[in-house]
Structure formats: C-alpha cells, structure tokens
C-alpha cells in the first residue's frame, strides 16, 4: 500500500483505489489540487512549520510547498529550476548525494541554509528519494 504526501498542504493519502498510482493522469493532491504528490515507503508526520521542496533527478527544484517562504524568504519563482543546494546555500550536500545515489531516506540532518536576506539559519532536513522512474528527491525543511 502506497502512502503519499502533498508537498503543498502536507496532507497524507493512502493509495487504496489506484487514484494516485499508475494511471493515465498525473497524480495530484485530493485536498488542495497541487500537481505533485510524493510517495513515501511509510507515513511521515512533519512539524507544522515544515516546508517541502521537490527536486528532479539532478536536484533542481521542481516545486515548493508552504513553509519554505516563511523559513527562507525565497518564493517559488526564486527557486524553480535551480540546484537546491546552491539556491538554499545548504551547509552540507552529502545527504542529497547519498539519497540520489542509493535511494535511501535521511532523517534529521542538522544543516544551515542561507536565507534570502543573507542570514545563516539552522534547519533540520529530512531527505526522501523518489520511488518512480523519474528519480528525484524531496527535502523537508524545519527550523532547527
């Protein structure tokens, strides 16, 4: 049974009827209609202030959920298409590379991001690989 999370509204869903799974249409959130759902191997409960960033297989930003602006000051348009580690000036990229190469999740990485105002801010980052043929990853950023 597949568990999905919406990077925008953080609602979780379980694919019992095949709606989110393999079909002719791209999966989207049943709650808010956001165009990306991210599959998890098990359920995940983010903190209320967690912001999500969805990236492609090359770690370029595809979508930004709620909470990212509040944490970093960057709007979606500032980040789309950019390398996530460069755009957020992450203090360490080893976790991203590990997730991309091995397809494993990394939880509770204590890093720093550089906000739009140029301030360094501590964050806790949870990294999830994409479990589809497209690859990619999702970052969950929480003030730390």
C-alpha atoms as a PDB file:
ATOM      1  CA  UNK A   1       0.000   0.000   0.000  1.00  0.00           C
ATOM      2  CA  UNK A   2       1.489   3.284  -1.104  1.00  0.00           C
ATOM      3  CA  UNK A   3       1.495   6.341   1.160  1.00  0.00           C
ATOM      4  CA  UNK A   4       1.651   9.784  -0.439  1.00  0.00           C
ATOM      5  CA  UNK A   5       2.226  13.263   0.973  1.00  0.00           C
ATOM      6  CA  UNK A   6       1.404  16.576  -0.668  1.00  0.00           C
ATOM      7  CA  UNK A   7       4.365  18.985  -0.521  1.00  0.00           C
ATOM      8  CA  UNK A   8       1.963  21.932  -0.551  1.00  0.00           C
ATOM      9  CA  UNK A   9      -0.681  21.208   2.099  1.00  0.00           C
ATOM     10  CA  UNK A  10       1.117  18.311   3.855  1.00  0.00           C
ATOM     11  CA  UNK A  11      -1.974  16.090   3.638  1.00  0.00           C
ATOM     12  CA  UNK A  12      -1.234  12.378   3.524  1.00  0.00           C
ATOM     13  CA  UNK A  13      -3.154   9.852   1.483  1.00  0.00           C
ATOM     14  CA  UNK A  14      -3.064   6.109   1.059  1.00  0.00           C
ATOM     15  CA  UNK A  15      -3.496   4.722  -2.437  1.00  0.00           C
ATOM     16  CA  UNK A  16      -6.238   2.179  -1.823  1.00  0.00           C
ATOM     17  CA  UNK A  17      -8.102   2.708  -5.085  1.00  0.00           C
ATOM     18  CA  UNK A  18      -5.217   3.302  -7.518  1.00  0.00           C
ATOM     19  CA  UNK A  19      -6.058   7.004  -7.875  1.00  0.00           C
ATOM     20  CA  UNK A  20      -2.517   8.133  -7.068  1.00  0.00           C
ATOM     21  CA  UNK A  21      -0.807   5.128  -8.630  1.00  0.00           C
ATOM     22  CA  UNK A  22      -0.209   4.163 -12.225  1.00  0.00           C
ATOM     23  CA  UNK A  23      -2.829   5.775 -14.431  1.00  0.00           C
ATOM     24  CA  UNK A  24      -3.103   7.953 -17.487  1.00  0.00           C
ATOM     25  CA  UNK A  25      -3.152  11.191 -15.461  1.00  0.00           C
ATOM     26  CA  UNK A  26      -0.526  12.711 -13.222  1.00  0.00           C
ATOM     27  CA  UNK A  27      -1.329  12.315  -9.537  1.00  0.00           C
ATOM     28  CA  UNK A  28      -2.438  15.418  -7.726  1.00  0.00           C
ATOM     29  CA  UNK A  29      -3.498  16.179  -4.189  1.00  0.00           C
ATOM     30  CA  UNK A  30      -7.118  15.334  -3.420  1.00  0.00           C
ATOM     31  CA  UNK A  31      -7.223  18.055  -0.754  1.00  0.00           C
ATOM     32  CA  UNK A  32      -5.683  21.121  -2.422  1.00  0.00           C
ATOM     33  CA  UNK A  33      -5.209  20.072  -6.070  1.00  0.00           C
ATOM     34  CA  UNK A  34      -1.420  20.645  -6.011  1.00  0.00           C
ATOM     35  CA  UNK A  35       0.174  18.950  -9.014  1.00  0.00           C
ATOM     36  CA  UNK A  36       2.805  16.918  -7.146  1.00  0.00           C
ATOM     37  CA  UNK A  37       2.368  14.058  -4.714  1.00  0.00           C
ATOM     38  CA  UNK A  38       5.395  12.404  -3.244  1.00  0.00           C
ATOM     39  CA  UNK A  39       5.339   8.705  -2.475  1.00  0.00           C
ATOM     40  CA  UNK A  40       6.759   7.543   0.840  1.00  0.00           C
ATOM     41  CA  UNK A  41       7.529   3.974   1.867  1.00  0.00           C
ATOM     42  CA  UNK A  42       5.851   4.697   5.188  1.00  0.00           C
ATOM     43  CA  UNK A  43       3.853   7.542   6.654  1.00  0.00           C
ATOM     44  CA  UNK A  44       5.664  10.733   7.674  1.00  0.00           C
ATOM     45  CA  UNK A  45       4.398  13.431  10.007  1.00  0.00           C
ATOM     46  CA  UNK A  46       6.193  16.744   9.510  1.00  0.00           C
ATOM     47  CA  UNK A  47       6.240  19.547  12.048  1.00  0.00           C
ATOM     48  CA  UNK A  48       3.579  22.236  11.463  1.00  0.00           C
ATOM     49  CA  UNK A  49       6.174  24.716  10.170  1.00  0.00           C
ATOM     50  CA  UNK A  50       7.955  22.269   7.828  1.00  0.00           C
ATOM     51  CA  UNK A  51       8.408  23.404   4.249  1.00  0.00           C
ATOM     52  CA  UNK A  52       8.833  20.971   1.352  1.00  0.00           C
ATOM     53  CA  UNK A  53      10.967  21.267  -1.758  1.00  0.00           C
ATOM     54  CA  UNK A  54      10.559  18.722  -4.588  1.00  0.00           C
ATOM     55  CA  UNK A  55      13.518  18.214  -6.928  1.00  0.00           C
ATOM     56  CA  UNK A  56      14.213  16.311 -10.130  1.00  0.00           C
ATOM     57  CA  UNK A  57      16.906  13.646 -10.544  1.00  0.00           C
ATOM     58  CA  UNK A  58      19.556  16.371 -10.915  1.00  0.00           C
ATOM     59  CA  UNK A  59      18.454  18.050  -7.643  1.00  0.00           C
ATOM     60  CA  UNK A  60      16.893  21.019  -9.488  1.00  0.00           C
ATOM     61  CA  UNK A  61      13.808  22.452  -7.807  1.00  0.00           C
ATOM     62  CA  UNK A  62      10.508  21.424  -9.424  1.00  0.00           C
ATOM     63  CA  UNK A  63       8.023  22.596  -6.796  1.00  0.00           C
ATOM     64  CA  UNK A  64       7.982  24.426  -3.482  1.00  0.00           C
ATOM     65  CA  UNK A  65       5.356  23.878  -0.803  1.00  0.00           C
ATOM     66  CA  UNK A  66       4.060  26.048   2.001  1.00  0.00           C
ATOM     67  CA  UNK A  67       6.515  26.873   4.736  1.00  0.00           C
ATOM     68  CA  UNK A  68       9.564  27.370   2.530  1.00  0.00           C
ATOM     69  CA  UNK A  69       8.968  31.106   2.114  1.00  0.00           C
ATOM     70  CA  UNK A  70       8.420  31.556   5.855  1.00  0.00           C
ATOM     71  CA  UNK A  71      11.656  29.696   6.620  1.00  0.00           C
ATOM     72  CA  UNK A  72      13.936  31.053   3.883  1.00  0.00           C
ATOM     73  CA  UNK A  73      12.334  34.157   2.407  1.00  0.00           C
ATOM     74  CA  UNK A  74      12.529  32.596  -1.078  1.00  0.00           C
ATOM     75  CA  UNK A  75       9.411  32.462  -3.218  1.00  0.00           C
ATOM     76  CA  UNK A  76       8.794  29.572  -5.584  1.00  0.00           C
ATOM     77  CA  UNK A  77       9.860  31.646  -8.608  1.00  0.00           C
ATOM     78  CA  UNK A  78      13.241  32.291  -6.922  1.00  0.00           C
ATOM     79  CA  UNK A  79      13.948  28.569  -6.655  1.00  0.00           C
ATOM     80  CA  UNK A  80      12.325  26.785  -9.622  1.00  0.00           C
ATOM     81  CA  UNK A  81      14.909  25.236 -11.947  1.00  0.00           C
ATOM     82  CA  UNK A  82      17.874  25.958  -9.660  1.00  0.00           C
ATOM     83  CA  UNK A  83      20.039  23.397  -7.906  1.00  0.00           C
ATOM     84  CA  UNK A  84      18.516  23.097  -4.439  1.00  0.00           C
ATOM     85  CA  UNK A  85      21.841  23.009  -2.564  1.00  0.00           C
ATOM     86  CA  UNK A  86      23.093  26.104  -4.374  1.00  0.00           C
ATOM     87  CA  UNK A  87      19.804  28.016  -4.197  1.00  0.00           C
ATOM     88  CA  UNK A  88      19.479  27.477  -0.441  1.00  0.00           C
ATOM     89  CA  UNK A  89      23.247  27.553   0.194  1.00  0.00           C
ATOM     90  CA  UNK A  90      22.996  24.343   2.197  1.00  0.00           C
ATOM     91  CA  UNK A  91      25.936  23.869   4.549  1.00  0.00           C
ATOM     92  CA  UNK A  92      26.422  20.218   3.515  1.00  0.00           C
ATOM     93  CA  UNK A  93      25.302  18.373   0.383  1.00  0.00           C
ATOM     94  CA  UNK A  94      26.449  14.860   1.346  1.00  0.00           C
ATOM     95  CA  UNK A  95      22.918  13.824   2.337  1.00  0.00           C
ATOM     96  CA  UNK A  96      21.491  14.888  -1.013  1.00  0.00           C
ATOM     97  CA  UNK A  97      24.138  12.932  -2.874  1.00  0.00           C
ATOM     98  CA  UNK A  98      23.536   9.851  -0.715  1.00  0.00           C
ATOM     99  CA  UNK A  99      19.788   9.965  -1.321  1.00  0.00           C
ATOM    100  CA  UNK A 100      20.264  10.418  -5.059  1.00  0.00           C
ATOM    101  CA  UNK A 101      22.845   7.659  -5.412  1.00  0.00           C
ATOM    102  CA  UNK A 102      21.450   4.998  -3.086  1.00  0.00           C
ATOM    103  CA  UNK A 103      17.724   5.785  -2.963  1.00  0.00           C
ATOM    104  CA  UNK A 104      17.629   5.841   0.838  1.00  0.00           C
ATOM    105  CA  UNK A 105      15.987   8.404   3.057  1.00  0.00           C
ATOM    106  CA  UNK A 106      17.927  10.531   5.532  1.00  0.00           C
ATOM    107  CA  UNK A 107      16.130  11.979   8.521  1.00  0.00           C
ATOM    108  CA  UNK A 108      17.173  14.631  10.997  1.00  0.00           C
ATOM    109  CA  UNK A 109      20.177  16.108   9.192  1.00  0.00           C
ATOM    110  CA  UNK A 110      21.206  19.272  11.020  1.00  0.00           C
ATOM    111  CA  UNK A 111      22.281  21.813   8.421  1.00  0.00           C
ATOM    112  CA  UNK A 112      22.177  25.527   7.775  1.00  0.00           C
ATOM    113  CA  UNK A 113      20.544  27.445   4.926  1.00  0.00           C
ATOM    114  CA  UNK A 114      21.225  30.971   3.808  1.00  0.00           C
ATOM    115  CA  UNK A 115      18.011  32.987   3.717  1.00  0.00           C
ATOM    116  CA  UNK A 116      17.123  35.488   1.035  1.00  0.00           C
ATOM    117  CA  UNK A 117      18.278  38.200   3.448  1.00  0.00           C
ATOM    118  CA  UNK A 118      21.704  36.546   3.618  1.00  0.00           C
ATOM    119  CA  UNK A 119      21.352  35.214   7.151  1.00  0.00           C
ATOM    120  CA  UNK A 120      22.510  31.723   8.040  1.00  0.00           C
ATOM    121  CA  UNK A 121      19.690  29.783   9.686  1.00  0.00           C
ATOM    122  CA  UNK A 122      19.893  26.327  11.316  1.00  0.00           C
ATOM    123  CA  UNK A 123      17.458  23.763   9.914  1.00  0.00           C
ATOM    124  CA  UNK A 124      16.653  20.098  10.310  1.00  0.00           C
ATOM    125  CA  UNK A 125      16.402  18.463   6.885  1.00  0.00           C
ATOM    126  CA  UNK A 126      14.641  15.188   6.093  1.00  0.00           C
ATOM    127  CA  UNK A 127      15.514  13.846   2.628  1.00  0.00           C
ATOM    128  CA  UNK A 128      13.385  11.379   0.684  1.00  0.00           C
ATOM    129  CA  UNK A 129      14.169   9.696  -2.658  1.00  0.00           C
ATOM    130  CA  UNK A 130      11.546   9.477  -5.390  1.00  0.00           C
ATOM    131  CA  UNK A 131      10.341   5.918  -5.882  1.00  0.00           C
ATOM    132  CA  UNK A 132       9.433   6.306  -9.539  1.00  0.00           C
ATOM    133  CA  UNK A 133      11.348   6.076 -12.791  1.00  0.00           C
ATOM    134  CA  UNK A 134      11.925   9.833 -12.837  1.00  0.00           C
ATOM    135  CA  UNK A 135      14.155   9.764  -9.765  1.00  0.00           C
ATOM    136  CA  UNK A 136      14.472  12.957  -7.820  1.00  0.00           C
ATOM    137  CA  UNK A 137      14.083  13.767  -4.186  1.00  0.00           C
ATOM    138  CA  UNK A 138      12.086  15.752  -1.662  1.00  0.00           C
ATOM    139  CA  UNK A 139      13.512  17.888   1.134  1.00  0.00           C
ATOM    140  CA  UNK A 140      11.533  18.664   4.264  1.00  0.00           C
ATOM    141  CA  UNK A 141      12.996  21.752   5.964  1.00  0.00           C
ATOM    142  CA  UNK A 142      12.172  22.581   9.590  1.00  0.00           C
ATOM    143  CA  UNK A 143      13.646  25.412  11.641  1.00  0.00           C
ATOM    144  CA  UNK A 144      16.211  23.859  13.916  1.00  0.00           C
END
